[in-house]
């Protein structure tokens, strides 16, 4: 049941590339963050056995912290050469 989710995530990444090409001439940069599961109230509601199974599948062996997402956003804002790309902040789950 992940087709819709995967297709949507891929569409956003492709959109960011297109926007960079279309809007760059106006000095507009684009960027995207594709997070894995983040340590939030939603993640805390997972059944313990499901949470543990999910964490074991992450090469980093943990969930992302909200502060790490903020750090990624800060990087995108502050780096004037970053545009048209997606930062995958997923602990290495994508192969």
PDB file of N, CA and C in Angstrom:
ATOM      1  N   UNK A   1       0.780  -1.198   0.000  1.00  0.00           N
ATOM      2  CA  UNK A   1       0.000   0.000   0.000  1.00  0.00           C
ATOM      3  C   UNK A   1       0.827   1.270   0.000  1.00  0.00           C
ATOM      4  N   UNK A   2       1.973   1.287  -0.648  1.00  0.00           N
ATOM      5  CA  UNK A   2       2.821   2.471  -0.641  1.00  0.00           C
ATOM      6  C   UNK A   2       2.932   3.167  -2.001  1.00  0.00           C
ATOM      7  N   UNK A   3       2.199   2.702  -2.996  1.00  0.00           N
ATOM      8  CA  UNK A   3       2.311   3.282  -4.336  1.00  0.00           C
ATOM      9  C   UNK A   3       1.968   4.759  -4.339  1.00  0.00           C
ATOM     10  N   UNK A   4       0.855   5.122  -3.723  1.00  0.00           N
ATOM     11  CA  UNK A   4       0.447   6.531  -3.723  1.00  0.00           C
ATOM     12  C   UNK A   4       1.461   7.400  -2.988  1.00  0.00           C
ATOM     13  N   UNK A   5       1.963   6.918  -1.867  1.00  0.00           N
ATOM     14  CA  UNK A   5       2.949   7.665  -1.081  1.00  0.00           C
ATOM     15  C   UNK A   5       4.243   7.846  -1.872  1.00  0.00           C
ATOM     16  N   UNK A   6       4.727   6.758  -2.464  1.00  0.00           N
ATOM     17  CA  UNK A   6       5.978   6.808  -3.225  1.00  0.00           C
ATOM     18  C   UNK A   6       5.853   7.720  -4.441  1.00  0.00           C
ATOM     19  N   UNK A   7       4.730   7.618  -5.135  1.00  0.00           N
ATOM     20  CA  UNK A   7       4.519   8.460  -6.320  1.00  0.00           C
ATOM     21  C   UNK A   7       4.459   9.934  -5.945  1.00  0.00           C
ATOM     22  N   UNK A   8       3.822  10.245  -4.845  1.00  0.00           N
ATOM     23  CA  UNK A   8       3.726  11.639  -4.397  1.00  0.00           C
ATOM     24  C   UNK A   8       5.096  12.196  -4.021  1.00  0.00           C
ATOM     25  N   UNK A   9       5.880  11.391  -3.322  1.00  0.00           N
ATOM     26  CA  UNK A   9       7.214  11.839  -2.900  1.00  0.00           C
ATOM     27  C   UNK A   9       8.107  12.063  -4.121  1.00  0.00           C
ATOM     28  N   UNK A  10       8.028  11.184  -5.108  1.00  0.00           N
ATOM     29  CA  UNK A  10       8.816  11.340  -6.330  1.00  0.00           C
ATOM     30  C   UNK A  10       8.364  12.578  -7.107  1.00  0.00           C
ATOM     31  N   UNK A  11       7.065  12.832  -7.116  1.00  0.00           N
ATOM     32  CA  UNK A  11       6.550  14.004  -7.819  1.00  0.00           C
ATOM     33  C   UNK A  11       7.068  15.294  -7.201  1.00  0.00           C
ATOM     34  N   UNK A  12       7.127  15.359  -5.899  1.00  0.00           N
ATOM     35  CA  UNK A  12       7.630  16.562  -5.231  1.00  0.00           C
ATOM     36  C   UNK A  12       9.101  16.782  -5.586  1.00  0.00           C
ATOM     37  N   UNK A  13       9.901  15.734  -5.558  1.00  0.00           N
ATOM     38  CA  UNK A  13      11.322  15.865  -5.904  1.00  0.00           C
ATOM     39  C   UNK A  13      11.509  16.345  -7.338  1.00  0.00           C
ATOM     40  N   UNK A  14      10.704  15.825  -8.251  1.00  0.00           N
ATOM     41  CA  UNK A  14      10.780  16.241  -9.651  1.00  0.00           C
ATOM     42  C   UNK A  14      10.310  17.680  -9.818  1.00  0.00           C
ATOM     43  N   UNK A  15       9.289  18.060  -9.089  1.00  0.00           N
ATOM     44  CA  UNK A  15       8.767  19.417  -9.145  1.00  0.00           C
ATOM     45  C   UNK A  15       9.836  20.425  -8.713  1.00  0.00           C
ATOM     46  N   UNK A  16      10.603  20.076  -7.673  1.00  0.00           N
ATOM     47  CA  UNK A  16      11.647  20.966  -7.169  1.00  0.00           C
ATOM     48  C   UNK A  16      12.701  21.211  -8.250  1.00  0.00           C
ATOM     49  N   UNK A  17      13.069  20.179  -9.008  1.00  0.00           N
ATOM     50  CA  UNK A  17      14.044  20.323 -10.091  1.00  0.00           C
ATOM     51  C   UNK A  17      13.477  21.249 -11.175  1.00  0.00           C
ATOM     52  N   UNK A  18      12.223  21.020 -11.560  1.00  0.00           N
ATOM     53  CA  UNK A  18      11.590  21.851 -12.591  1.00  0.00           C
ATOM     54  C   UNK A  18      11.494  23.305 -12.146  1.00  0.00           C
ATOM     55  N   UNK A  19      11.098  23.521 -10.902  1.00  0.00           N
ATOM     56  CA  UNK A  19      11.004  24.894 -10.401  1.00  0.00           C
ATOM     57  C   UNK A  19      12.360  25.579 -10.407  1.00  0.00           C
ATOM     58  N   UNK A  20      13.411  24.863 -10.048  1.00  0.00           N
ATOM     59  CA  UNK A  20      14.750  25.460 -10.057  1.00  0.00           C
ATOM     60  C   UNK A  20      15.095  25.947 -11.458  1.00  0.00           C
ATOM     61  N   UNK A  21      14.790  25.150 -12.457  1.00  0.00           N
ATOM     62  CA  UNK A  21      15.094  25.523 -13.842  1.00  0.00           C
ATOM     63  C   UNK A  21      14.217  26.678 -14.306  1.00  0.00           C
ATOM     64  N   UNK A  22      12.957  26.684 -13.904  1.00  0.00           N
ATOM     65  CA  UNK A  22      12.029  27.723 -14.344  1.00  0.00           C
ATOM     66  C   UNK A  22      12.208  29.037 -13.587  1.00  0.00           C
ATOM     67  N   UNK A  23      12.552  28.969 -12.312  1.00  0.00           N
ATOM     68  CA  UNK A  23      12.570  30.162 -11.468  1.00  0.00           C
ATOM     69  C   UNK A  23      13.960  30.719 -11.183  1.00  0.00           C
ATOM     70  N   UNK A  24      14.995  29.956 -11.531  1.00  0.00           N
ATOM     71  CA  UNK A  24      16.357  30.390 -11.264  1.00  0.00           C
ATOM     72  C   UNK A  24      16.688  31.733 -11.891  1.00  0.00           C
ATOM     73  N   UNK A  25      16.171  31.999 -13.065  1.00  0.00           N
ATOM     74  CA  UNK A  25      16.475  33.271 -13.747  1.00  0.00           C
ATOM     75  C   UNK A  25      15.936  34.488 -12.984  1.00  0.00           C
ATOM     76  N   UNK A  26      15.002  34.225 -12.061  1.00  0.00           N
ATOM     77  CA  UNK A  26      14.463  35.294 -11.225  1.00  0.00           C
ATOM     78  C   UNK A  26      15.145  35.352  -9.857  1.00  0.00           C
ATOM     79  N   UNK A  27      16.188  34.547  -9.684  1.00  0.00           N
ATOM     80  CA  UNK A  27      16.904  34.521  -8.415  1.00  0.00           C
ATOM     81  C   UNK A  27      16.201  33.704  -7.341  1.00  0.00           C
ATOM     82  N   UNK A  28      15.273  32.873  -7.757  1.00  0.00           N
ATOM     83  CA  UNK A  28      14.528  32.041  -6.804  1.00  0.00           C
ATOM     84  C   UNK A  28      15.139  30.646  -6.778  1.00  0.00           C
ATOM     85  N   UNK A  29      15.535  30.210  -5.599  1.00  0.00           N
ATOM     86  CA  UNK A  29      16.078  28.870  -5.417  1.00  0.00           C
ATOM     87  C   UNK A  29      15.004  27.967  -4.838  1.00  0.00           C
ATOM     88  N   UNK A  30      15.137  26.682  -5.082  1.00  0.00           N
ATOM     89  CA  UNK A  30      14.181  25.720  -4.552  1.00  0.00           C
ATOM     90  C   UNK A  30      14.922  24.613  -3.809  1.00  0.00           C
ATOM     91  N   UNK A  31      14.251  24.018  -2.859  1.00  0.00           N
ATOM     92  CA  UNK A  31      14.836  22.918  -2.112  1.00  0.00           C
ATOM     93  C   UNK A  31      13.745  22.144  -1.409  1.00  0.00           C
ATOM     94  N   UNK A  32      14.056  20.929  -1.089  1.00  0.00           N
ATOM     95  CA  UNK A  32      13.069  20.049  -0.474  1.00  0.00           C
ATOM     96  C   UNK A  32      13.769  19.146   0.538  1.00  0.00           C
ATOM     97  N   UNK A  33      13.053  18.800   1.582  1.00  0.00           N
ATOM     98  CA  UNK A  33      13.553  17.841   2.566  1.00  0.00           C
ATOM     99  C   UNK A  33      12.606  16.646   2.550  1.00  0.00           C
ATOM    100  N   UNK A  34      13.164  15.453   2.366  1.00  0.00           N
ATOM    101  CA  UNK A  34      12.384  14.218   2.371  1.00  0.00           C
ATOM    102  C   UNK A  34      12.771  13.435   3.627  1.00  0.00           C
ATOM    103  N   UNK A  35      12.043  13.655   4.712  1.00  0.00           N
ATOM    104  CA  UNK A  35      12.416  12.989   5.962  1.00  0.00           C
ATOM    105  C   UNK A  35      11.896  11.560   6.035  1.00  0.00           C
ATOM    106  N   UNK A  36      12.611  10.772   6.790  1.00  0.00           N
ATOM    107  CA  UNK A  36      12.082   9.475   7.185  1.00  0.00           C
ATOM    108  C   UNK A  36      11.190   9.718   8.395  1.00  0.00           C
ATOM    109  N   UNK A  37      10.990   8.698   9.187  1.00  0.00           N
ATOM    110  CA  UNK A  37      10.161   8.852  10.373  1.00  0.00           C
ATOM    111  C   UNK A  37      10.894   9.713  11.400  1.00  0.00           C
ATOM    112  N   UNK A  38      10.170  10.694  11.934  1.00  0.00           N
ATOM    113  CA  UNK A  38      10.750  11.663  12.866  1.00  0.00           C
ATOM    114  C   UNK A  38      10.186  11.416  14.260  1.00  0.00           C
ATOM    115  N   UNK A  39      11.015  11.640  15.251  1.00  0.00           N
ATOM    116  CA  UNK A  39      10.613  11.464  16.653  1.00  0.00           C
ATOM    117  C   UNK A  39       9.608  12.573  17.014  1.00  0.00           C
ATOM    118  N   UNK A  40       8.331  12.263  16.810  1.00  0.00           N
ATOM    119  CA  UNK A  40       7.239  13.206  17.073  1.00  0.00           C
ATOM    120  C   UNK A  40       6.162  12.487  17.881  1.00  0.00           C
ATOM    121  N   UNK A  41       5.107  13.220  18.218  1.00  0.00           N
ATOM    122  CA  UNK A  41       3.988  12.613  18.936  1.00  0.00           C
ATOM    123  C   UNK A  41       3.378  11.470  18.135  1.00  0.00           C
ATOM    124  N   UNK A  42       3.345  11.610  16.811  1.00  0.00           N
ATOM    125  CA  UNK A  42       2.805  10.539  15.969  1.00  0.00           C
ATOM    126  C   UNK A  42       3.645   9.269  16.102  1.00  0.00           C
ATOM    127  N   UNK A  43       4.962   9.423  16.043  1.00  0.00           N
ATOM    128  CA  UNK A  43       5.848   8.266  16.158  1.00  0.00           C
ATOM    129  C   UNK A  43       5.744   7.625  17.540  1.00  0.00           C
ATOM    130  N   UNK A  44       5.520   8.451  18.543  1.00  0.00           N
ATOM    131  CA  UNK A  44       5.401   7.941  19.911  1.00  0.00           C
ATOM    132  C   UNK A  44       4.151   7.074  20.092  1.00  0.00           C
ATOM    133  N   UNK A  45       3.179   7.242  19.214  1.00  0.00           N
ATOM    134  CA  UNK A  45       1.937   6.466  19.312  1.00  0.00           C
ATOM    135  C   UNK A  45       2.015   5.101  18.642  1.00  0.00           C
ATOM    136  N   UNK A  46       3.137   4.831  17.991  1.00  0.00           N
ATOM    137  CA  UNK A  46       3.289   3.529  17.331  1.00  0.00           C
ATOM    138  C   UNK A  46       3.315   2.417  18.374  1.00  0.00           C
ATOM    139  N   UNK A  47       2.794   1.265  18.007  1.00  0.00           N
ATOM    140  CA  UNK A  47       2.910   0.117  18.898  1.00  0.00           C
ATOM    141  C   UNK A  47       4.392  -0.181  19.091  1.00  0.00           C
ATOM    142  N   UNK A  48       4.818  -0.453  20.316  1.00  0.00           N
ATOM    143  CA  UNK A  48       6.249  -0.651  20.599  1.00  0.00           C
ATOM    144  C   UNK A  48       6.922  -1.675  19.690  1.00  0.00           C
ATOM    145  N   UNK A  49       6.264  -2.785  19.400  1.00  0.00           N
ATOM    146  CA  UNK A  49       6.900  -3.810  18.555  1.00  0.00           C
ATOM    147  C   UNK A  49       7.050  -3.327  17.114  1.00  0.00           C
ATOM    148  N   UNK A  50       6.092  -2.530  16.616  1.00  0.00           N
ATOM    149  CA  UNK A  50       6.194  -1.980  15.264  1.00  0.00           C
ATOM    150  C   UNK A  50       7.298  -0.918  15.198  1.00  0.00           C
ATOM    151  N   UNK A  51       7.358  -0.108  16.244  1.00  0.00           N
ATOM    152  CA  UNK A  51       8.391   0.931  16.307  1.00  0.00           C
ATOM    153  C   UNK A  51       9.781   0.302  16.306  1.00  0.00           C
ATOM    154  N   UNK A  52       9.966  -0.719  17.120  1.00  0.00           N
ATOM    155  CA  UNK A  52      11.257  -1.398  17.203  1.00  0.00           C
ATOM    156  C   UNK A  52      11.627  -2.044  15.869  1.00  0.00           C
ATOM    157  N   UNK A  53      10.660  -2.671  15.213  1.00  0.00           N
ATOM    158  CA  UNK A  53      10.902  -3.298  13.918  1.00  0.00           C
ATOM    159  C   UNK A  53      11.302  -2.238  12.885  1.00  0.00           C
ATOM    160  N   UNK A  54      10.620  -1.090  12.915  1.00  0.00           N
ATOM    161  CA  UNK A  54      10.937  -0.018  11.978  1.00  0.00           C
ATOM    162  C   UNK A  54      12.349   0.520  12.225  1.00  0.00           C
ATOM    163  N   UNK A  55      12.678   0.771  13.485  1.00  0.00           N
ATOM    164  CA  UNK A  55      13.999   1.313  13.824  1.00  0.00           C
ATOM    165  C   UNK A  55      15.111   0.347  13.403  1.00  0.00           C
ATOM    166  N   UNK A  56      14.880  -0.937  13.539  1.00  0.00           N
ATOM    167  CA  UNK A  56      15.886  -1.928  13.129  1.00  0.00           C
ATOM    168  C   UNK A  56      16.142  -1.889  11.626  1.00  0.00           C
ATOM    169  N   UNK A  57      15.166  -1.397  10.848  1.00  0.00           N
ATOM    170  CA  UNK A  57      15.333  -1.327   9.393  1.00  0.00           C
ATOM    171  C   UNK A  57      16.086  -0.070   8.951  1.00  0.00           C
ATOM    172  N   UNK A  58      16.365   0.836   9.869  1.00  0.00           N
ATOM    173  CA  UNK A  58      17.058   2.084   9.559  1.00  0.00           C
ATOM    174  C   UNK A  58      18.555   1.884   9.809  1.00  0.00           C
ATOM    175  N   UNK A  59      19.407   2.089   8.798  1.00  0.00           N
ATOM    176  CA  UNK A  59      20.834   1.924   9.019  1.00  0.00           C
ATOM    177  C   UNK A  59      21.374   2.769  10.177  1.00  0.00           C
ATOM    178  N   UNK A  60      20.814   3.954  10.408  1.00  0.00           N
ATOM    179  CA  UNK A  60      21.263   4.807  11.514  1.00  0.00           C
ATOM    180  C   UNK A  60      20.740   4.306  12.865  1.00  0.00           C
ATOM    181  N   UNK A  61      19.832   3.338  12.837  1.00  0.00           N
ATOM    182  CA  UNK A  61      19.287   2.685  14.032  1.00  0.00           C
ATOM    183  C   UNK A  61      18.535   3.619  14.984  1.00  0.00           C
ATOM    184  N   UNK A  62      17.920   4.679  14.419  1.00  0.00           N
ATOM    185  CA  UNK A  62      17.122   5.585  15.238  1.00  0.00           C
ATOM    186  C   UNK A  62      16.240   6.432  14.332  1.00  0.00           C
ATOM    187  N   UNK A  63      15.292   7.121  14.950  1.00  0.00           N
ATOM    188  CA  UNK A  63      14.454   8.054  14.214  1.00  0.00           C
ATOM    189  C   UNK A  63      15.158   9.407  14.147  1.00  0.00           C
ATOM    190  N   UNK A  64      14.725  10.237  13.216  1.00  0.00           N
ATOM    191  CA  UNK A  64      15.267  11.594  13.116  1.00  0.00           C
ATOM    192  C   UNK A  64      14.716  12.450  14.248  1.00  0.00           C
ATOM    193  N   UNK A  65      15.480  13.425  14.647  1.00  0.00           N
ATOM    194  CA  UNK A  65      15.032  14.412  15.625  1.00  0.00           C
ATOM    195  C   UNK A  65      14.546  15.655  14.874  1.00  0.00           C
ATOM    196  N   UNK A  66      13.559  16.326  15.422  1.00  0.00           N
ATOM    197  CA  UNK A  66      13.010  17.529  14.790  1.00  0.00           C
ATOM    198  C   UNK A  66      14.117  18.551  14.528  1.00  0.00           C
ATOM    199  N   UNK A  67      15.052  18.673  15.459  1.00  0.00           N
ATOM    200  CA  UNK A  67      16.152  19.629  15.299  1.00  0.00           C
ATOM    201  C   UNK A  67      16.999  19.325  14.062  1.00  0.00           C
ATOM    202  N   UNK A  68      17.093  18.055  13.699  1.00  0.00           N
ATOM    203  CA  UNK A  68      17.868  17.689  12.513  1.00  0.00           C
ATOM    204  C   UNK A  68      17.183  18.174  11.247  1.00  0.00           C
ATOM    205  N   UNK A  69      15.863  18.149  11.235  1.00  0.00           N
ATOM    206  CA  UNK A  69      15.122  18.687  10.089  1.00  0.00           C
ATOM    207  C   UNK A  69      15.324  20.198  10.008  1.00  0.00           C
ATOM    208  N   UNK A  70      15.295  20.862  11.164  1.00  0.00           N
ATOM    209  CA  UNK A  70      15.524  22.307  11.197  1.00  0.00           C
ATOM    210  C   UNK A  70      16.921  22.639  10.680  1.00  0.00           C
ATOM    211  N   UNK A  71      17.905  21.844  11.042  1.00  0.00           N
ATOM    212  CA  UNK A  71      19.276  22.057  10.573  1.00  0.00           C
ATOM    213  C   UNK A  71      19.353  21.918   9.054  1.00  0.00           C
ATOM    214  N   UNK A  72      18.641  20.935   8.500  1.00  0.00           N
ATOM    215  CA  UNK A  72      18.618  20.742   7.049  1.00  0.00           C
ATOM    216  C   UNK A  72      17.973  21.946   6.357  1.00  0.00           C
ATOM    217  N   UNK A  73      16.865  22.450   6.914  1.00  0.00           N
ATOM    218  CA  UNK A  73      16.201  23.626   6.344  1.00  0.00           C
ATOM    219  C   UNK A  73      17.132  24.839   6.389  1.00  0.00           C
ATOM    220  N   UNK A  74      17.855  24.996   7.483  1.00  0.00           N
ATOM    221  CA  UNK A  74      18.798  26.111   7.625  1.00  0.00           C
ATOM    222  C   UNK A  74      19.885  26.015   6.554  1.00  0.00           C
ATOM    223  N   UNK A  75      20.372  24.799   6.298  1.00  0.00           N
ATOM    224  CA  UNK A  75      21.375  24.600   5.250  1.00  0.00           C
ATOM    225  C   UNK A  75      20.842  25.068   3.898  1.00  0.00           C
ATOM    226  N   UNK A  76      19.608  24.677   3.573  1.00  0.00           N
ATOM    227  CA  UNK A  76      19.023  25.066   2.291  1.00  0.00           C
ATOM    228  C   UNK A  76      18.907  26.586   2.195  1.00  0.00           C
ATOM    229  N   UNK A  77      18.436  27.215   3.257  1.00  0.00           N
ATOM    230  CA  UNK A  77      18.278  28.673   3.251  1.00  0.00           C
ATOM    231  C   UNK A  77      19.608  29.402   3.133  1.00  0.00           C
ATOM    232  N   UNK A  78      20.619  28.911   3.811  1.00  0.00           N
ATOM    233  CA  UNK A  78      21.886  29.633   3.891  1.00  0.00           C
ATOM    234  C   UNK A  78      22.838  29.371   2.730  1.00  0.00           C
ATOM    235  N   UNK A  79      22.682  28.273   2.019  1.00  0.00           N
ATOM    236  CA  UNK A  79      23.594  27.926   0.937  1.00  0.00           C
ATOM    237  C   UNK A  79      23.030  28.441  -0.389  1.00  0.00           C
ATOM    238  N   UNK A  80      23.588  29.529  -0.879  1.00  0.00           N
ATOM    239  CA  UNK A  80      23.070  30.157  -2.093  1.00  0.00           C
ATOM    240  C   UNK A  80      23.290  29.338  -3.364  1.00  0.00           C
ATOM    241  N   UNK A  81      24.081  28.286  -3.295  1.00  0.00           N
ATOM    242  CA  UNK A  81      24.303  27.450  -4.471  1.00  0.00           C
ATOM    243  C   UNK A  81      23.397  26.219  -4.476  1.00  0.00           C
ATOM    244  N   UNK A  82      22.688  25.993  -3.394  1.00  0.00           N
ATOM    245  CA  UNK A  82      21.787  24.842  -3.312  1.00  0.00           C
ATOM    246  C   UNK A  82      20.473  25.201  -3.995  1.00  0.00           C
ATOM    247  N   UNK A  83      20.112  24.432  -4.996  1.00  0.00           N
ATOM    248  CA  UNK A  83      18.818  24.615  -5.650  1.00  0.00           C
ATOM    249  C   UNK A  83      18.457  23.370  -6.456  1.00  0.00           C
ATOM    250  N   UNK A  84      17.168  23.115  -6.539  1.00  0.00           N
ATOM    251  CA  UNK A  84      16.676  22.034  -7.372  1.00  0.00           C
ATOM    252  C   UNK A  84      16.949  20.638  -6.851  1.00  0.00           C
ATOM    253  N   UNK A  85      17.208  20.514  -5.570  1.00  0.00           N
ATOM    254  CA  UNK A  85      17.548  19.206  -5.016  1.00  0.00           C
ATOM    255  C   UNK A  85      16.723  18.898  -3.782  1.00  0.00           C
ATOM    256  N   UNK A  86      16.672  17.610  -3.479  1.00  0.00           N
ATOM    257  CA  UNK A  86      15.986  17.119  -2.298  1.00  0.00           C
ATOM    258  C   UNK A  86      17.014  16.540  -1.340  1.00  0.00           C
ATOM    259  N   UNK A  87      16.960  16.977  -0.100  1.00  0.00           N
ATOM    260  CA  UNK A  87      17.795  16.380   0.944  1.00  0.00           C
ATOM    261  C   UNK A  87      17.022  15.210   1.534  1.00  0.00           C
ATOM    262  N   UNK A  88      17.558  14.028   1.398  1.00  0.00           N
ATOM    263  CA  UNK A  88      16.913  12.844   1.961  1.00  0.00           C
ATOM    264  C   UNK A  88      17.452  12.640   3.364  1.00  0.00           C
ATOM    265  N   UNK A  89      16.645  12.939   4.327  1.00  0.00           N
ATOM    266  CA  UNK A  89      17.032  12.858   5.725  1.00  0.00           C
ATOM    267  C   UNK A  89      16.305  11.667   6.345  1.00  0.00           C
ATOM    268  N   UNK A  90      16.766  10.478   5.963  1.00  0.00           N
ATOM    269  CA  UNK A  90      16.042   9.266   6.324  1.00  0.00           C
ATOM    270  C   UNK A  90      16.888   8.220   7.048  1.00  0.00           C
ATOM    271  N   UNK A  91      18.048   8.618   7.515  1.00  0.00           N
ATOM    272  CA  UNK A  91      18.894   7.681   8.241  1.00  0.00           C
ATOM    273  C   UNK A  91      19.464   6.566   7.394  1.00  0.00           C
ATOM    274  N   UNK A  92      19.387   6.719   6.078  1.00  0.00           N
ATOM    275  CA  UNK A  92      19.937   5.716   5.169  1.00  0.00           C
ATOM    276  C   UNK A  92      18.969   4.647   4.722  1.00  0.00           C
ATOM    277  N   UNK A  93      17.668   4.882   4.910  1.00  0.00           N
ATOM    278  CA  UNK A  93      16.701   3.825   4.563  1.00  0.00           C
ATOM    279  C   UNK A  93      16.505   3.654   3.065  1.00  0.00           C
ATOM    280  N   UNK A  94      16.782   4.675   2.286  1.00  0.00           N
ATOM    281  CA  UNK A  94      16.603   4.545   0.847  1.00  0.00           C
ATOM    282  C   UNK A  94      17.834   3.899   0.233  1.00  0.00           C
ATOM    283  N   UNK A  95      17.621   2.928  -0.589  1.00  0.00           N
ATOM    284  CA  UNK A  95      18.748   2.255  -1.242  1.00  0.00           C
ATOM    285  C   UNK A  95      18.831   2.614  -2.694  1.00  0.00           C
TER     286      UNK A  95
END
